[in-house]
C-alpha atoms as a PDB file:
ATOM      1  CA  MET A   1      -0.053   0.031   0.074  1.00  0.00           C
ATOM      2  CA  PRO A   2       1.491   3.289  -1.026  1.00  0.00           C
ATOM      3  CA  LYS A   3       2.484   5.549   2.019  1.00  0.00           C
ATOM      4  CA  LYS A   4       0.110   8.559   2.778  1.00  0.00           C
ATOM      5  CA  ASN A   5       0.816  12.207   2.567  1.00  0.00           C
ATOM      6  CA  ILE A   6      -1.045  14.002   5.437  1.00  0.00           C
ATOM      7  CA  LEU A   7      -0.948  17.861   5.900  1.00  0.00           C
ATOM      8  CA  PHE A   8      -1.846  19.426   9.154  1.00  0.00           C
ATOM      9  CA  LEU A   9      -3.151  23.072   8.396  1.00  0.00           C
ATOM     10  CA  CYS A  10      -3.818  25.796  11.679  1.00  0.00           C
ATOM     11  CA  VAL A  11      -3.476  29.215  11.296  1.00  0.00           C
ATOM     12  CA  ALA A  12       0.223  30.274  12.616  1.00  0.00           C
ATOM     13  CA  ASN A  13       1.779  26.784  12.239  1.00  0.00           C
ATOM     14  CA  SER A  14       3.076  27.423  15.340  1.00  0.00           C
ATOM     15  CA  ALA A  15       1.419  25.337  17.902  1.00  0.00           C
ATOM     16  CA  ARG A  16      -1.193  22.526  17.252  1.00  0.00           C
ATOM     17  CA  SER A  17      -0.333  21.989  13.585  1.00  0.00           C
ATOM     18  CA  GLN A  18       3.556  21.758  14.399  1.00  0.00           C
ATOM     19  CA  MET A  19       2.921  19.102  17.937  1.00  0.00           C
ATOM     20  CA  ALA A  20       0.589  17.381  15.410  1.00  0.00           C
ATOM     21  CA  GLU A  21       3.451  16.625  12.300  1.00  0.00           C
ATOM     22  CA  GLY A  22       5.534  15.699  15.569  1.00  0.00           C
ATOM     23  CA  LEU A  23       3.419  13.001  16.969  1.00  0.00           C
ATOM     24  CA  ALA A  24       2.276  11.698  13.575  1.00  0.00           C
ATOM     25  CA  ARG A  25       5.651  11.267  12.442  1.00  0.00           C
ATOM     26  CA  HIS A  26       6.592   9.584  15.526  1.00  0.00           C
ATOM     27  CA  LEU A  27       3.274   7.419  15.965  1.00  0.00           C
ATOM     28  CA  TYR A  28       3.056   6.610  12.020  1.00  0.00           C
ATOM     29  CA  GLY A  29       6.798   6.256  11.331  1.00  0.00           C
ATOM     30  CA  ASP A  30       7.380   5.224   7.695  1.00  0.00           C
ATOM     31  CA  ASP A  31       3.723   4.323   7.100  1.00  0.00           C
ATOM     32  CA  ALA A  32       2.973   8.533   5.869  1.00  0.00           C
ATOM     33  CA  HIS A  33       4.700  11.466   4.753  1.00  0.00           C
ATOM     34  CA  ILE A  34       3.292  13.716   7.465  1.00  0.00           C
ATOM     35  CA  GLN A  35       3.910  17.741   6.635  1.00  0.00           C
ATOM     36  CA  SER A  36       2.139  21.173   8.661  1.00  0.00           C
ATOM     37  CA  ALA A  37       1.442  25.030   7.795  1.00  0.00           C
ATOM     38  CA  GLY A  38      -0.334  28.266   8.230  1.00  0.00           C
ATOM     39  CA  SER A  39      -2.228  30.239   6.537  1.00  0.00           C
ATOM     40  CA  GLN A  40      -0.169  32.997   8.696  1.00  0.00           C
ATOM     41  CA  PRO A  41       2.961  31.271   9.760  1.00  0.00           C
ATOM     42  CA  SER A  42       5.222  32.708  12.355  1.00  0.00           C
ATOM     43  CA  ARG A  43       7.548  30.697  14.640  1.00  0.00           C
ATOM     44  CA  VAL A  44       7.369  27.463  16.118  1.00  0.00           C
ATOM     45  CA  ASN A  45       6.235  28.325  19.719  1.00  0.00           C
ATOM     46  CA  PRO A  46       8.829  27.332  22.675  1.00  0.00           C
ATOM     47  CA  PHE A  47       6.025  25.898  24.879  1.00  0.00           C
ATOM     48  CA  ALA A  48       5.372  23.609  21.830  1.00  0.00           C
ATOM     49  CA  ILE A  49       8.398  22.506  21.803  1.00  0.00           C
ATOM     50  CA  GLU A  50       9.054  22.391  25.402  1.00  0.00           C
ATOM     51  CA  ALA A  51       5.280  19.927  25.436  1.00  0.00           C
ATOM     52  CA  MET A  52       6.695  17.873  22.659  1.00  0.00           C
ATOM     53  CA  ALA A  53      10.416  17.378  24.367  1.00  0.00           C
ATOM     54  CA  LYS A  54       8.633  15.941  27.510  1.00  0.00           C
ATOM     55  CA  LEU A  55       7.678  13.060  25.065  1.00  0.00           C
ATOM     56  CA  ASP A  56      11.119  12.884  23.819  1.00  0.00           C
ATOM     57  CA  ILE A  57       9.646  14.248  20.267  1.00  0.00           C
ATOM     58  CA  SER A  58      11.846  17.183  19.114  1.00  0.00           C
ATOM     59  CA  LEU A  59      10.667  20.273  17.304  1.00  0.00           C
ATOM     60  CA  ALA A  60      13.823  21.881  17.707  1.00  0.00           C
ATOM     61  CA  GLN A  61      14.619  21.750  13.731  1.00  0.00           C
ATOM     62  CA  HIS A  62      10.660  22.925  12.731  1.00  0.00           C
ATOM     63  CA  ARG A  63      10.020  26.096  11.331  1.00  0.00           C
ATOM     64  CA  SER A  64       6.914  27.356  10.848  1.00  0.00           C
ATOM     65  CA  LYS A  65       5.716  27.211   6.795  1.00  0.00           C
ATOM     66  CA  SER A  66       2.957  28.667   4.246  1.00  0.00           C
ATOM     67  CA  VAL A  67       0.431  26.830   2.992  1.00  0.00           C
ATOM     68  CA  ASP A  68       0.825  28.035  -0.256  1.00  0.00           C
ATOM     69  CA  ASP A  69       4.573  26.581  -0.384  1.00  0.00           C
ATOM     70  CA  ILE A  70       2.614  22.795  -0.335  1.00  0.00           C
ATOM     71  CA  ASP A  71       2.145  20.903  -3.659  1.00  0.00           C
ATOM     72  CA  PRO A  72      -1.255  20.575  -3.571  1.00  0.00           C
ATOM     73  CA  SER A  73      -0.665  17.161  -5.063  1.00  0.00           C
ATOM     74  CA  SER A  74       1.645  15.784  -2.420  1.00  0.00           C
ATOM     75  CA  VAL A  75      -1.306  15.502  -0.224  1.00  0.00           C
ATOM     76  CA  ASP A  76      -3.711  12.806   0.330  1.00  0.00           C
ATOM     77  CA  VAL A  77      -5.166  13.963   3.401  1.00  0.00           C
ATOM     78  CA  VAL A  78      -5.830  17.682   5.271  1.00  0.00           C
ATOM     79  CA  ILE A  79      -6.589  18.026   8.609  1.00  0.00           C
ATOM     80  CA  THR A  80      -7.399  21.593   9.742  1.00  0.00           C
ATOM     81  CA  LEU A  81      -6.810  22.139  13.987  1.00  0.00           C
ATOM     82  CA  CYS A  82      -8.136  25.397  14.515  1.00  0.00           C
ATOM     83  CA  ALA A  83     -11.165  25.725  17.046  1.00  0.00           C
ATOM     84  CA  GLU A  84     -11.868  29.504  17.380  1.00  0.00           C
ATOM     85  CA  GLU A  85      -9.515  30.689  14.567  1.00  0.00           C
ATOM     86  CA  VAL A  86     -11.117  30.847  11.075  1.00  0.00           C
ATOM     87  CA  CYS A  87      -8.788  27.378   9.633  1.00  0.00           C
ATOM     88  CA  PRO A  88      -7.105  27.978   6.288  1.00  0.00           C
ATOM     89  CA  ALA A  89      -8.208  26.551   3.602  1.00  0.00           C
ATOM     90  CA  PHE A  90      -6.559  23.836   1.003  1.00  0.00           C
ATOM     91  CA  LEU A  91      -6.847  24.193  -2.478  1.00  0.00           C
ATOM     92  CA  GLY A  92      -6.272  20.456  -3.707  1.00  0.00           C
ATOM     93  CA  GLN A  93      -8.496  17.405  -4.457  1.00  0.00           C
ATOM     94  CA  THR A  94      -7.661  15.734  -0.908  1.00  0.00           C
ATOM     95  CA  LYS A  95      -9.648  13.757   1.575  1.00  0.00           C
ATOM     96  CA  ARG A  96     -10.384  16.542   4.590  1.00  0.00           C
ATOM     97  CA  HIS A  97     -10.962  16.369   8.291  1.00  0.00           C
ATOM     98  CA  HIS A  98     -11.549  18.876  10.771  1.00  0.00           C
ATOM     99  CA  TRP A  99     -10.255  18.250  14.486  1.00  0.00           C
ATOM    100  CA  PRO A 100     -11.029  21.503  16.577  1.00  0.00           C
ATOM    101  CA  PHE A 101      -8.923  22.141  19.241  1.00  0.00           C
ATOM    102  CA  PRO A 102      -8.926  25.048  21.240  1.00  0.00           C
ATOM    103  CA  ASP A 103      -5.418  26.988  20.614  1.00  0.00           C
ATOM    104  CA  PRO A 104      -3.267  26.618  23.604  1.00  0.00           C
ATOM    105  CA  ASP A 105      -1.288  30.011  23.428  1.00  0.00           C
ATOM    106  CA  PRO A 106      -3.157  31.985  26.252  1.00  0.00           C
ATOM    107  CA  LYS A 107      -2.551  35.264  23.826  1.00  0.00           C
ATOM    108  CA  GLY A 108      -1.820  38.063  26.312  1.00  0.00           C
ATOM    109  CA  GLN A 109      -3.362  36.192  29.537  1.00  0.00           C
ATOM    110  CA  PRO A 110      -1.839  36.712  32.323  1.00  0.00           C
ATOM    111  CA  LEU A 111      -0.790  32.770  33.152  1.00  0.00           C
ATOM    112  CA  THR A 112       2.440  31.429  34.896  1.00  0.00           C
ATOM    113  CA  LYS A 113       4.483  29.840  32.585  1.00  0.00           C
ATOM    114  CA  GLU A 114       3.958  26.516  34.357  1.00  0.00           C
ATOM    115  CA  ALA A 115      -0.190  26.791  33.642  1.00  0.00           C
ATOM    116  CA  THR A 116       0.769  27.841  29.336  1.00  0.00           C
ATOM    117  CA  LEU A 117       2.796  24.938  29.712  1.00  0.00           C
ATOM    118  CA  GLU A 118      -0.189  22.846  31.245  1.00  0.00           C
ATOM    119  CA  ARG A 119      -2.157  24.368  27.851  1.00  0.00           C
ATOM    120  CA  PHE A 120      -0.080  22.992  25.493  1.00  0.00           C
ATOM    121  CA  GLU A 121       0.635  19.844  27.511  1.00  0.00           C
ATOM    122  CA  ARG A 122      -3.206  19.372  27.276  1.00  0.00           C
ATOM    123  CA  ALA A 123      -3.727  20.472  23.582  1.00  0.00           C
ATOM    124  CA  ARG A 124      -0.613  17.620  22.490  1.00  0.00           C
ATOM    125  CA  ASP A 125      -2.501  14.980  24.412  1.00  0.00           C
ATOM    126  CA  ALA A 126      -5.765  15.481  23.186  1.00  0.00           C
ATOM    127  CA  ILE A 127      -3.957  15.807  19.476  1.00  0.00           C
ATOM    128  CA  GLN A 128      -2.034  12.371  20.443  1.00  0.00           C
ATOM    129  CA  GLN A 129      -5.375  10.503  21.365  1.00  0.00           C
ATOM    130  CA  ARG A 130      -7.278  11.291  18.052  1.00  0.00           C
ATOM    131  CA  LEU A 131      -3.849  10.374  15.762  1.00  0.00           C
ATOM    132  CA  ILE A 132      -3.852   7.303  17.781  1.00  0.00           C
ATOM    133  CA  ALA A 133      -7.506   6.796  17.323  1.00  0.00           C
ATOM    134  CA  GLU A 134      -7.840   7.700  13.887  1.00  0.00           C
ATOM    135  CA  LYS A 135      -4.646   6.114  12.703  1.00  0.00           C
ATOM    136  CA  LYS A 136      -6.165   3.097  10.910  1.00  0.00           C
ATOM    137  CA  ALA A 137      -8.551   5.350   9.155  1.00  0.00           C
ATOM    138  CA  LEU A 138      -6.059   8.042   7.959  1.00  0.00           C
ATOM    139  CA  LEU A 139      -3.296   5.404   6.798  1.00  0.00           C
ATOM    140  CA  GLU A 140      -6.288   3.246   4.291  1.00  0.00           C
END
């Protein structure tokens, strides 16, 4: 069976889609080619890097990428991860899934470092559970 090409999308490609990319690469291994991107790429959030490091998954070499730089013919499945924002569109003939996860970035809310990291860890764990539950369907 050919390898599936999966693209995770959110707005900034800084947290949810980056964590999903790292988790999917770890969980799916050579069974899939994994990418992530955003409609308004920024930088990989340091809290996403830290939350993933706790699972021994490194995002240190990741960078935020624009959805405009993704070749539509290189994607079989698109998974959008936005909840409260408008998700980016992907112009390609692909299977589409929407997994609405709240943005873990507190965006100016006065939270401690520990409370912020906890939000990222909750998002990471929810994405991981969904990736495990959907693995068979995504790779078919």
